[in-house]
Structure formats: C-alpha cells, structure tokens
Amino acid sequence: VFLDEFRTSKLCSQCHQTLSAVRYSVDTKLPKRKKCKGVVLVRNRAEVEFEDKKCHAVLRCDHENCEARYWDRDVNAAINMVELLKSEVLGHGRMEPFRRP
C-alpha cells in the first residue's frame, strides 16, 4: 500500500494544527557525556552558560483546545498515517489538512 506521508509528522494527530519544536537549555561548559545524564547545575549561576537546543524527536501542540500537549514525532506520524488510511478505505479521500497545496 502506498501512502503519501506529507505533513504526517508536522500536524497534531488530535487537532491537525501545526506542531512546534520543543526547546530546552543546556549548560555549554559541561562535558557532552554529562549533559545526557542530567547533571545538577552549579550554584554560582554566573559561571554557567546556557545554550538553547531543539529536541527533534519531541513536538508540542500549542492549540488551546487540543487535549494533547506533547508528541513523539514518530508516534504522531504513525497515528496520522492510520487515520489517512482509514479515510481512504472509507472512501472519504485524503483529509484536508494533509493535502498538498
């Protein structure tokens, strides 16, 4: 079965609004190995330099009426693909938010 994946990982599978990237701060002075282990920050904040990073695997839905807040990118895309397949099988065609311009 061929399925066009256009916008499946970019739109929320609950409300079909655009998802935003999740950002988090990382202390740039810590060695890379320790960043992954969740190191407690030093007390002297003047010695800490933060860098804003983007998490590629997790997306956030900012739509106020949506019950979903955070999505794993791949899980969200899989749910959207199942819904697109159901829509095609039922003869409704491709859902509007997922149509190419």
PDB file of N, CA and C in Angstrom:
ATOM      1  N   VAL A   1       0.846  -1.172   0.000  1.00  0.00           N
ATOM      2  CA  VAL A   1       0.000   0.000   0.000  1.00  0.00           C
ATOM      3  C   VAL A   1       0.893   1.238   0.000  1.00  0.00           C
ATOM      4  N   PHE A   2       0.655   2.167  -0.923  1.00  0.00           N
ATOM      5  CA  PHE A   2       1.397   3.421  -0.984  1.00  0.00           C
ATOM      6  C   PHE A   2       0.636   4.479  -0.201  1.00  0.00           C
ATOM      7  N   LEU A   3       1.336   5.197   0.668  1.00  0.00           N
ATOM      8  CA  LEU A   3       0.714   6.259   1.448  1.00  0.00           C
ATOM      9  C   LEU A   3       1.630   7.472   1.452  1.00  0.00           C
ATOM     10  N   ASP A   4       1.125   8.591   0.966  1.00  0.00           N
ATOM     11  CA  ASP A   4       1.878   9.836   0.963  1.00  0.00           C
ATOM     12  C   ASP A   4       1.971  10.345   2.401  1.00  0.00           C
ATOM     13  N   GLU A   5       3.188  10.512   2.916  1.00  0.00           N
ATOM     14  CA  GLU A   5       3.397  10.919   4.308  1.00  0.00           C
ATOM     15  C   GLU A   5       3.427  12.433   4.491  1.00  0.00           C
ATOM     16  N   PHE A   6       2.990  13.192   3.518  1.00  0.00           N
ATOM     17  CA  PHE A   6       3.037  14.652   3.568  1.00  0.00           C
ATOM     18  C   PHE A   6       2.332  15.180   4.812  1.00  0.00           C
ATOM     19  N   ARG A   7       3.057  15.928   5.625  1.00  0.00           N
ATOM     20  CA  ARG A   7       2.600  16.591   6.854  1.00  0.00           C
ATOM     21  C   ARG A   7       2.210  15.651   8.000  1.00  0.00           C
ATOM     22  N   THR A   8       2.448  14.366   7.888  1.00  0.00           N
ATOM     23  CA  THR A   8       2.019  13.451   8.957  1.00  0.00           C
ATOM     24  C   THR A   8       2.786  13.656  10.259  1.00  0.00           C
ATOM     25  N   SER A   9       4.041  14.093  10.180  1.00  0.00           N
ATOM     26  CA  SER A   9       4.797  14.328  11.417  1.00  0.00           C
ATOM     27  C   SER A   9       4.770  15.795  11.837  1.00  0.00           C
ATOM     28  N   LYS A  10       4.190  16.655  11.022  1.00  0.00           N
ATOM     29  CA  LYS A  10       4.169  18.102  11.307  1.00  0.00           C
ATOM     30  C   LYS A  10       2.860  18.567  11.940  1.00  0.00           C
ATOM     31  N   LEU A  11       1.775  17.806  11.748  1.00  0.00           N
ATOM     32  CA  LEU A  11       0.462  18.203  12.265  1.00  0.00           C
ATOM     33  C   LEU A  11       0.040  17.297  13.417  1.00  0.00           C
ATOM     34  N   CYS A  12      -0.566  17.876  14.427  1.00  0.00           N
ATOM     35  CA  CYS A  12      -1.047  17.134  15.592  1.00  0.00           C
ATOM     36  C   CYS A  12      -2.093  16.108  15.157  1.00  0.00           C
ATOM     37  N   SER A  13      -1.976  14.889  15.652  1.00  0.00           N
ATOM     38  CA  SER A  13      -2.914  13.837  15.256  1.00  0.00           C
ATOM     39  C   SER A  13      -4.281  13.987  15.926  1.00  0.00           C
ATOM     40  N   GLN A  14      -4.418  14.910  16.880  1.00  0.00           N
ATOM     41  CA  GLN A  14      -5.703  15.136  17.533  1.00  0.00           C
ATOM     42  C   GLN A  14      -6.473  16.300  16.921  1.00  0.00           C
ATOM     43  N   CYS A  15      -5.766  17.433  16.672  1.00  0.00           N
ATOM     44  CA  CYS A  15      -6.465  18.640  16.201  1.00  0.00           C
ATOM     45  C   CYS A  15      -6.016  19.103  14.813  1.00  0.00           C
ATOM     46  N   HIS A  16      -4.997  18.459  14.250  1.00  0.00           N
ATOM     47  CA  HIS A  16      -4.453  18.761  12.916  1.00  0.00           C
ATOM     48  C   HIS A  16      -3.886  20.170  12.784  1.00  0.00           C
ATOM     49  N   GLN A  17      -3.467  20.766  13.912  1.00  0.00           N
ATOM     50  CA  GLN A  17      -2.775  22.058  13.888  1.00  0.00           C
ATOM     51  C   GLN A  17      -1.264  21.795  13.834  1.00  0.00           C
ATOM     52  N   THR A  18      -0.509  22.788  13.393  1.00  0.00           N
ATOM     53  CA  THR A  18       0.941  22.642  13.271  1.00  0.00           C
ATOM     54  C   THR A  18       1.597  22.490  14.644  1.00  0.00           C
ATOM     55  N   LEU A  19       2.505  21.520  14.739  1.00  0.00           N
ATOM     56  CA  LEU A  19       3.239  21.272  15.974  1.00  0.00           C
ATOM     57  C   LEU A  19       4.492  22.145  16.032  1.00  0.00           C
ATOM     58  N   SER A  20       4.910  22.491  17.249  1.00  0.00           N
ATOM     59  CA  SER A  20       6.105  23.315  17.464  1.00  0.00           C
ATOM     60  C   SER A  20       7.235  22.455  18.012  1.00  0.00           C
ATOM     61  N   ALA A  21       8.455  22.901  17.759  1.00  0.00           N
ATOM     62  CA  ALA A  21       9.624  22.206  18.299  1.00  0.00           C
ATOM     63  C   ALA A  21       9.723  22.459  19.799  1.00  0.00           C
ATOM     64  N   VAL A  22      10.189  21.471  20.525  1.00  0.00           N
ATOM     65  CA  VAL A  22      10.422  21.612  21.963  1.00  0.00           C
ATOM     66  C   VAL A  22      11.856  22.090  22.148  1.00  0.00           C
ATOM     67  N   ARG A  23      12.031  23.136  22.949  1.00  0.00           N
ATOM     68  CA  ARG A  23      13.365  23.693  23.205  1.00  0.00           C
ATOM     69  C   ARG A  23      13.718  23.499  24.680  1.00  0.00           C
ATOM     70  N   TYR A  24      15.007  23.319  24.935  1.00  0.00           N
ATOM     71  CA  TYR A  24      15.481  23.170  26.303  1.00  0.00           C
ATOM     72  C   TYR A  24      16.865  23.799  26.424  1.00  0.00           C
ATOM     73  N   SER A  25      17.249  24.174  27.636  1.00  0.00           N
ATOM     74  CA  SER A  25      18.545  24.814  27.871  1.00  0.00           C
ATOM     75  C   SER A  25      19.571  23.789  28.326  1.00  0.00           C
ATOM     76  N   VAL A  26      20.800  23.967  27.844  1.00  0.00           N
ATOM     77  CA  VAL A  26      21.899  23.070  28.186  1.00  0.00           C
ATOM     78  C   VAL A  26      23.087  23.913  28.633  1.00  0.00           C
ATOM     79  N   ASP A  27      23.741  23.490  29.698  1.00  0.00           N
ATOM     80  CA  ASP A  27      24.951  24.170  30.158  1.00  0.00           C
ATOM     81  C   ASP A  27      26.082  23.818  29.197  1.00  0.00           C
ATOM     82  N   THR A  28      26.601  24.798  28.484  1.00  0.00           N
ATOM     83  CA  THR A  28      27.625  24.548  27.461  1.00  0.00           C
ATOM     84  C   THR A  28      28.990  24.227  28.052  1.00  0.00           C
ATOM     85  N   LYS A  29      29.211  24.513  29.331  1.00  0.00           N
ATOM     86  CA  LYS A  29      30.514  24.239  29.945  1.00  0.00           C
ATOM     87  C   LYS A  29      30.647  22.799  30.434  1.00  0.00           C
ATOM     88  N   LEU A  30      29.550  22.082  30.536  1.00  0.00           N
ATOM     89  CA  LEU A  30      29.619  20.685  30.975  1.00  0.00           C
ATOM     90  C   LEU A  30      30.077  19.811  29.817  1.00  0.00           C
ATOM     91  N   PRO A  31      30.850  18.764  30.101  1.00  0.00           N
ATOM     92  CA  PRO A  31      31.228  17.843  29.020  1.00  0.00           C
ATOM     93  C   PRO A  31      29.981  17.183  28.439  1.00  0.00           C
ATOM     94  N   LYS A  32      30.024  16.847  27.162  1.00  0.00           N
ATOM     95  CA  LYS A  32      28.869  16.278  26.470  1.00  0.00           C
ATOM     96  C   LYS A  32      28.332  15.036  27.168  1.00  0.00           C
ATOM     97  N   ARG A  33      29.230  14.207  27.653  1.00  0.00           N
ATOM     98  CA  ARG A  33      28.851  12.965  28.315  1.00  0.00           C
ATOM     99  C   ARG A  33      27.916  13.230  29.494  1.00  0.00           C
ATOM    100  N   LYS A  34      28.149  14.285  30.260  1.00  0.00           N
ATOM    101  CA  LYS A  34      27.349  14.581  31.444  1.00  0.00           C
ATOM    102  C   LYS A  34      26.017  15.239  31.098  1.00  0.00           C
ATOM    103  N   LYS A  35      25.910  15.882  29.950  1.00  0.00           N
ATOM    104  CA  LYS A  35      24.654  16.526  29.561  1.00  0.00           C
ATOM    105  C   LYS A  35      23.537  15.495  29.444  1.00  0.00           C
ATOM    106  N   CYS A  36      23.876  14.319  28.960  1.00  0.00           N
ATOM    107  CA  CYS A  36      22.875  13.279  28.739  1.00  0.00           C
ATOM    108  C   CYS A  36      22.412  12.632  30.044  1.00  0.00           C
ATOM    109  N   LYS A  37      23.219  12.749  31.095  1.00  0.00           N
ATOM    110  CA  LYS A  37      22.897  12.074  32.347  1.00  0.00           C
ATOM    111  C   LYS A  37      22.112  12.946  33.317  1.00  0.00           C
ATOM    112  N   GLY A  38      21.815  14.194  32.972  1.00  0.00           N
ATOM    113  CA  GLY A  38      21.036  15.062  33.846  1.00  0.00           C
ATOM    114  C   GLY A  38      21.821  15.548  35.051  1.00  0.00           C
ATOM    115  N   VAL A  39      22.846  16.333  34.822  1.00  0.00           N
ATOM    116  CA  VAL A  39      23.710  16.833  35.887  1.00  0.00           C
ATOM    117  C   VAL A  39      23.030  17.999  36.607  1.00  0.00           C
ATOM    118  N   VAL A  40      23.168  18.052  37.933  1.00  0.00           N
ATOM    119  CA  VAL A  40      22.638  19.160  38.719  1.00  0.00           C
ATOM    120  C   VAL A  40      23.495  20.391  38.437  1.00  0.00           C
ATOM    121  N   LEU A  41      22.854  21.542  38.224  1.00  0.00           N
ATOM    122  CA  LEU A  41      23.582  22.768  37.906  1.00  0.00           C
ATOM    123  C   LEU A  41      24.330  23.300  39.119  1.00  0.00           C
ATOM    124  N   VAL A  42      25.466  23.959  38.863  1.00  0.00           N
ATOM    125  CA  VAL A  42      26.244  24.552  39.949  1.00  0.00           C
ATOM    126  C   VAL A  42      25.478  25.719  40.547  1.00  0.00           C
ATOM    127  N   ARG A  43      25.783  26.058  41.818  1.00  0.00           N
ATOM    128  CA  ARG A  43      25.057  27.128  42.498  1.00  0.00           C
ATOM    129  C   ARG A  43      25.388  28.500  41.946  1.00  0.00           C
ATOM    130  N   ASN A  44      26.627  28.738  41.563  1.00  0.00           N
ATOM    131  CA  ASN A  44      27.030  30.041  41.068  1.00  0.00           C
ATOM    132  C   ASN A  44      26.577  30.181  39.612  1.00  0.00           C
ATOM    133  N   ARG A  45      25.424  30.749  39.401  1.00  0.00           N
ATOM    134  CA  ARG A  45      24.841  30.869  38.062  1.00  0.00           C
ATOM    135  C   ARG A  45      25.686  31.728  37.120  1.00  0.00           C
ATOM    136  N   ALA A  46      26.553  32.593  37.677  1.00  0.00           N
ATOM    137  CA  ALA A  46      27.401  33.440  36.836  1.00  0.00           C
ATOM    138  C   ALA A  46      28.398  32.601  36.041  1.00  0.00           C
ATOM    139  N   GLU A  47      28.740  31.419  36.538  1.00  0.00           N
ATOM    140  CA  GLU A  47      29.695  30.546  35.858  1.00  0.00           C
ATOM    141  C   GLU A  47      29.032  29.663  34.804  1.00  0.00           C
ATOM    142  N   VAL A  48      27.741  29.695  34.712  1.00  0.00           N
ATOM    143  CA  VAL A  48      27.012  28.814  33.803  1.00  0.00           C
ATOM    144  C   VAL A  48      26.646  29.557  32.524  1.00  0.00           C
ATOM    145  N   GLU A  49      26.899  28.912  31.395  1.00  0.00           N
ATOM    146  CA  GLU A  49      26.482  29.459  30.100  1.00  0.00           C
ATOM    147  C   GLU A  49      25.467  28.490  29.505  1.00  0.00           C
ATOM    148  N   PHE A  50      24.283  29.002  29.191  1.00  0.00           N
ATOM    149  CA  PHE A  50      23.247  28.155  28.629  1.00  0.00           C
ATOM    150  C   PHE A  50      23.151  28.342  27.125  1.00  0.00           C
ATOM    151  N   GLU A  51      22.826  27.262  26.464  1.00  0.00           N
ATOM    152  CA  GLU A  51      22.585  27.292  25.026  1.00  0.00           C
ATOM    153  C   GLU A  51      21.211  26.681  24.789  1.00  0.00           C
ATOM    154  N   ASP A  52      20.416  27.301  23.947  1.00  0.00           N
ATOM    155  CA  ASP A  52      19.080  26.806  23.638  1.00  0.00           C
ATOM    156  C   ASP A  52      19.184  25.716  22.578  1.00  0.00           C
ATOM    157  N   LYS A  53      18.687  24.524  22.871  1.00  0.00           N
ATOM    158  CA  LYS A  53      18.727  23.392  21.941  1.00  0.00           C
ATOM    159  C   LYS A  53      17.310  23.024  21.530  1.00  0.00           C
ATOM    160  N   LYS A  54      17.188  22.416  20.363  1.00  0.00           N
ATOM    161  CA  LYS A  54      15.896  21.964  19.870  1.00  0.00           C
ATOM    162  C   LYS A  54      15.874  20.440  19.905  1.00  0.00           C
ATOM    163  N   CYS A  55      14.816  19.877  20.452  1.00  0.00           N
ATOM    164  CA  CYS A  55      14.659  18.427  20.506  1.00  0.00           C
ATOM    165  C   CYS A  55      13.899  17.981  19.263  1.00  0.00           C
ATOM    166  N   HIS A  56      14.549  17.202  18.408  1.00  0.00           N
ATOM    167  CA  HIS A  56      13.945  16.798  17.137  1.00  0.00           C
ATOM    168  C   HIS A  56      12.846  15.744  17.326  1.00  0.00           C
ATOM    169  N   ALA A  57      12.991  14.877  18.317  1.00  0.00           N
ATOM    170  CA  ALA A  57      12.080  13.742  18.476  1.00  0.00           C
ATOM    171  C   ALA A  57      10.767  14.087  19.167  1.00  0.00           C
ATOM    172  N   VAL A  58      10.721  15.221  19.877  1.00  0.00           N
ATOM    173  CA  VAL A  58       9.513  15.591  20.623  1.00  0.00           C
ATOM    174  C   VAL A  58       8.953  16.898  20.079  1.00  0.00           C
ATOM    175  N   LEU A  59       7.637  16.913  19.838  1.00  0.00           N
ATOM    176  CA  LEU A  59       6.959  18.110  19.338  1.00  0.00           C
ATOM    177  C   LEU A  59       5.852  18.502  20.304  1.00  0.00           C
ATOM    178  N   ARG A  60       5.464  19.777  20.263  1.00  0.00           N
ATOM    179  CA  ARG A  60       4.468  20.314  21.194  1.00  0.00           C
ATOM    180  C   ARG A  60       3.290  20.882  20.413  1.00  0.00           C
ATOM    181  N   CYS A  61       2.066  20.618  20.889  1.00  0.00           N
ATOM    182  CA  CYS A  61       0.866  21.208  20.297  1.00  0.00           C
ATOM    183  C   CYS A  61       0.471  22.413  21.146  1.00  0.00           C
ATOM    184  N   ASP A  62       0.439  23.590  20.525  1.00  0.00           N
ATOM    185  CA  ASP A  62       0.122  24.828  21.243  1.00  0.00           C
ATOM    186  C   ASP A  62      -1.342  25.235  21.123  1.00  0.00           C
ATOM    187  N   HIS A  63      -2.141  24.453  20.401  1.00  0.00           N
ATOM    188  CA  HIS A  63      -3.546  24.791  20.206  1.00  0.00           C
ATOM    189  C   HIS A  63      -4.280  24.674  21.537  1.00  0.00           C
ATOM    190  N   GLU A  64      -4.945  25.738  21.959  1.00  0.00           N
ATOM    191  CA  GLU A  64      -5.543  25.782  23.308  1.00  0.00           C
ATOM    192  C   GLU A  64      -6.643  24.757  23.544  1.00  0.00           C
ATOM    193  N   ASN A  65      -7.370  24.343  22.522  1.00  0.00           N
ATOM    194  CA  ASN A  65      -8.469  23.391  22.706  1.00  0.00           C
ATOM    195  C   ASN A  65      -8.051  21.934  22.522  1.00  0.00           C
ATOM    196  N   CYS A  66      -6.798  21.705  22.231  1.00  0.00           N
ATOM    197  CA  CYS A  66      -6.316  20.340  21.995  1.00  0.00           C
ATOM    198  C   CYS A  66      -5.982  19.669  23.324  1.00  0.00           C
ATOM    199  N   GLU A  67      -6.381  18.409  23.466  1.00  0.00           N
ATOM    200  CA  GLU A  67      -6.105  17.664  24.692  1.00  0.00           C
ATOM    201  C   GLU A  67      -4.670  17.149  24.738  1.00  0.00           C
ATOM    202  N   ALA A  68      -4.045  17.037  23.582  1.00  0.00           N
ATOM    203  CA  ALA A  68      -2.661  16.558  23.518  1.00  0.00           C
ATOM    204  C   ALA A  68      -1.708  17.734  23.692  1.00  0.00           C
ATOM    205  N   ARG A  69      -0.631  17.546  24.415  1.00  0.00           N
ATOM    206  CA  ARG A  69       0.342  18.624  24.610  1.00  0.00           C
ATOM    207  C   ARG A  69       1.673  18.292  23.952  1.00  0.00           C
ATOM    208  N   TYR A  70       2.201  17.104  24.220  1.00  0.00           N
ATOM    209  CA  TYR A  70       3.496  16.715  23.660  1.00  0.00           C
ATOM    210  C   TYR A  70       3.361  15.419  22.880  1.00  0.00           C
ATOM    211  N   TRP A  71       4.114  15.330  21.789  1.00  0.00           N
ATOM    212  CA  TRP A  71       4.072  14.150  20.936  1.00  0.00           C
ATOM    213  C   TRP A  71       5.472  13.674  20.603  1.00  0.00           C
ATOM    214  N   ASP A  72       5.676  12.377  20.632  1.00  0.00           N
ATOM    215  CA  ASP A  72       6.846  11.795  19.998  1.00  0.00           C
ATOM    216  C   ASP A  72       6.588  11.915  18.498  1.00  0.00           C
ATOM    217  N   ARG A  73       7.536  12.448  17.758  1.00  0.00           N
ATOM    218  CA  ARG A  73       7.362  12.730  16.330  1.00  0.00           C
ATOM    219  C   ARG A  73       6.906  11.489  15.546  1.00  0.00           C
ATOM    220  N   ASP A  74       7.540  10.338  15.792  1.00  0.00           N
ATOM    221  CA  ASP A  74       7.219   9.120  15.047  1.00  0.00           C
ATOM    222  C   ASP A  74       5.853   8.552  15.420  1.00  0.00           C
ATOM    223  N   VAL A  75       5.503   8.597  16.705  1.00  0.00           N
ATOM    224  CA  VAL A  75       4.190   8.101  17.147  1.00  0.00           C
ATOM    225  C   VAL A  75       3.084   8.955  16.538  1.00  0.00           C
ATOM    226  N   ASN A  76       3.253  10.271  16.577  1.00  0.00           N
ATOM    227  CA  ASN A  76       2.275  11.189  15.992  1.00  0.00           C
ATOM    228  C   ASN A  76       2.090  10.905  14.500  1.00  0.00           C
ATOM    229  N   ALA A  77       3.198  10.726  13.773  1.00  0.00           N
ATOM    230  CA  ALA A  77       3.132  10.448  12.336  1.00  0.00           C
ATOM    231  C   ALA A  77       2.407   9.126  12.069  1.00  0.00           C
ATOM    232  N   ALA A  78       2.680   8.109  12.887  1.00  0.00           N
ATOM    233  CA  ALA A  78       2.034   6.805  12.705  1.00  0.00           C
ATOM    234  C   ALA A  78       0.522   6.900  12.914  1.00  0.00           C
ATOM    235  N   ILE A  79       0.093   7.642  13.937  1.00  0.00           N
ATOM    236  CA  ILE A  79      -1.346   7.824  14.185  1.00  0.00           C
ATOM    237  C   ILE A  79      -1.988   8.538  13.003  1.00  0.00           C
ATOM    238  N   ASN A  80      -1.330   9.583  12.497  1.00  0.00           N
ATOM    239  CA  ASN A  80      -1.864  10.309  11.342  1.00  0.00           C
ATOM    240  C   ASN A  80      -1.964   9.411  10.114  1.00  0.00           C
ATOM    241  N   MET A  81      -0.967   8.545   9.900  1.00  0.00           N
ATOM    242  CA  MET A  81      -0.998   7.641   8.741  1.00  0.00           C
ATOM    243  C   MET A  81      -2.150   6.644   8.841  1.00  0.00           C
ATOM    244  N   VAL A  82      -2.401   6.138  10.048  1.00  0.00           N
ATOM    245  CA  VAL A  82      -3.531   5.216  10.240  1.00  0.00           C
ATOM    246  C   VAL A  82      -4.844   5.934   9.930  1.00  0.00           C
ATOM    247  N   GLU A  83      -4.989   7.170  10.396  1.00  0.00           N
ATOM    248  CA  GLU A  83      -6.208   7.947  10.125  1.00  0.00           C
ATOM    249  C   GLU A  83      -6.367   8.237   8.629  1.00  0.00           C
ATOM    250  N   LEU A  84      -5.265   8.526   7.942  1.00  0.00           N
ATOM    251  CA  LEU A  84      -5.319   8.755   6.493  1.00  0.00           C
ATOM    252  C   LEU A  84      -5.733   7.484   5.757  1.00  0.00           C
ATOM    253  N   LEU A  85      -5.205   6.344   6.193  1.00  0.00           N
ATOM    254  CA  LEU A  85      -5.568   5.069   5.581  1.00  0.00           C
ATOM    255  C   LEU A  85      -7.049   4.767   5.798  1.00  0.00           C
ATOM    256  N   LYS A  86      -7.544   4.981   7.023  1.00  0.00           N
ATOM    257  CA  LYS A  86      -8.971   4.772   7.310  1.00  0.00           C
ATOM    258  C   LYS A  86      -9.839   5.654   6.415  1.00  0.00           C
ATOM    259  N   SER A  87      -9.442   6.911   6.269  1.00  0.00           N
ATOM    260  CA  SER A  87     -10.196   7.854   5.448  1.00  0.00           C
ATOM    261  C   SER A  87     -10.258   7.394   3.992  1.00  0.00           C
ATOM    262  N   GLU A  88      -9.137   6.891   3.473  1.00  0.00           N
ATOM    263  CA  GLU A  88      -9.091   6.393   2.087  1.00  0.00           C
ATOM    264  C   GLU A  88      -9.958   5.144   1.929  1.00  0.00           C
ATOM    265  N   VAL A  89      -9.858   4.216   2.883  1.00  0.00           N
ATOM    266  CA  VAL A  89     -10.626   2.964   2.815  1.00  0.00           C
ATOM    267  C   VAL A  89     -12.124   3.237   2.875  1.00  0.00           C
ATOM    268  N   LEU A  90     -12.534   4.211   3.675  1.00  0.00           N
ATOM    269  CA  LEU A  90     -13.956   4.552   3.796  1.00  0.00           C
ATOM    270  C   LEU A  90     -14.469   5.392   2.626  1.00  0.00           C
ATOM    271  N   GLY A  91     -13.570   5.750   1.706  1.00  0.00           N
ATOM    272  CA  GLY A  91     -13.980   6.490   0.516  1.00  0.00           C
ATOM    273  C   GLY A  91     -14.105   7.986   0.702  1.00  0.00           C
ATOM    274  N   HIS A  92     -13.559   8.528   1.794  1.00  0.00           N
ATOM    275  CA  HIS A  92     -13.636   9.966   2.053  1.00  0.00           C
ATOM    276  C   HIS A  92     -12.489  10.740   1.410  1.00  0.00           C
ATOM    277  N   GLY A  93     -11.513  10.036   0.872  1.00  0.00           N
ATOM    278  CA  GLY A  93     -10.352  10.702   0.285  1.00  0.00           C
ATOM    279  C   GLY A  93      -9.391  11.178   1.364  1.00  0.00           C
ATOM    280  N   ARG A  94      -8.412  11.935   0.935  1.00  0.00           N
ATOM    281  CA  ARG A  94      -7.393  12.444   1.862  1.00  0.00           C
ATOM    282  C   ARG A  94      -7.957  13.606   2.670  1.00  0.00           C
ATOM    283  N   MET A  95      -7.708  13.596   3.980  1.00  0.00           N
ATOM    284  CA  MET A  95      -8.196  14.673   4.842  1.00  0.00           C
ATOM    285  C   MET A  95      -7.557  15.996   4.426  1.00  0.00           C
ATOM    286  N   GLU A  96      -8.322  17.069   4.488  1.00  0.00           N
ATOM    287  CA  GLU A  96      -7.906  18.396   4.005  1.00  0.00           C
ATOM    288  C   GLU A  96      -6.559  18.887   4.557  1.00  0.00           C
ATOM    289  N   PRO A  97      -6.303  18.796   5.859  1.00  0.00           N
ATOM    290  CA  PRO A  97      -5.025  19.325   6.369  1.00  0.00           C
ATOM    291  C   PRO A  97      -3.791  18.634   5.781  1.00  0.00           C
ATOM    292  N   PHE A  98      -3.955  17.412   5.266  1.00  0.00           N
ATOM    293  CA  PHE A  98      -2.830  16.637   4.753  1.00  0.00           C
ATOM    294  C   PHE A  98      -2.706  16.690   3.230  1.00  0.00           C
ATOM    295  N   ARG A  99      -3.524  17.482   2.591  1.00  0.00           N
ATOM    296  CA  ARG A  99      -3.450  17.606   1.127  1.00  0.00           C
ATOM    297  C   ARG A  99      -2.315  18.530   0.728  1.00  0.00           C
ATOM    298  N   ARG A 100      -1.678  18.205  -0.378  1.00  0.00           N
ATOM    299  CA  ARG A 100      -0.606  19.061  -0.906  1.00  0.00           C
ATOM    300  C   ARG A 100      -1.215  20.316  -1.511  1.00  0.00           C
ATOM    301  N   PRO A 101      -0.501  21.458  -1.381  1.00  0.00           N
ATOM    302  CA  PRO A 101      -1.043  22.719  -1.935  1.00  0.00           C
ATOM    303  C   PRO A 101      -1.074  22.708  -3.461  1.00  0.00           C
TER     304      PRO A 101
END
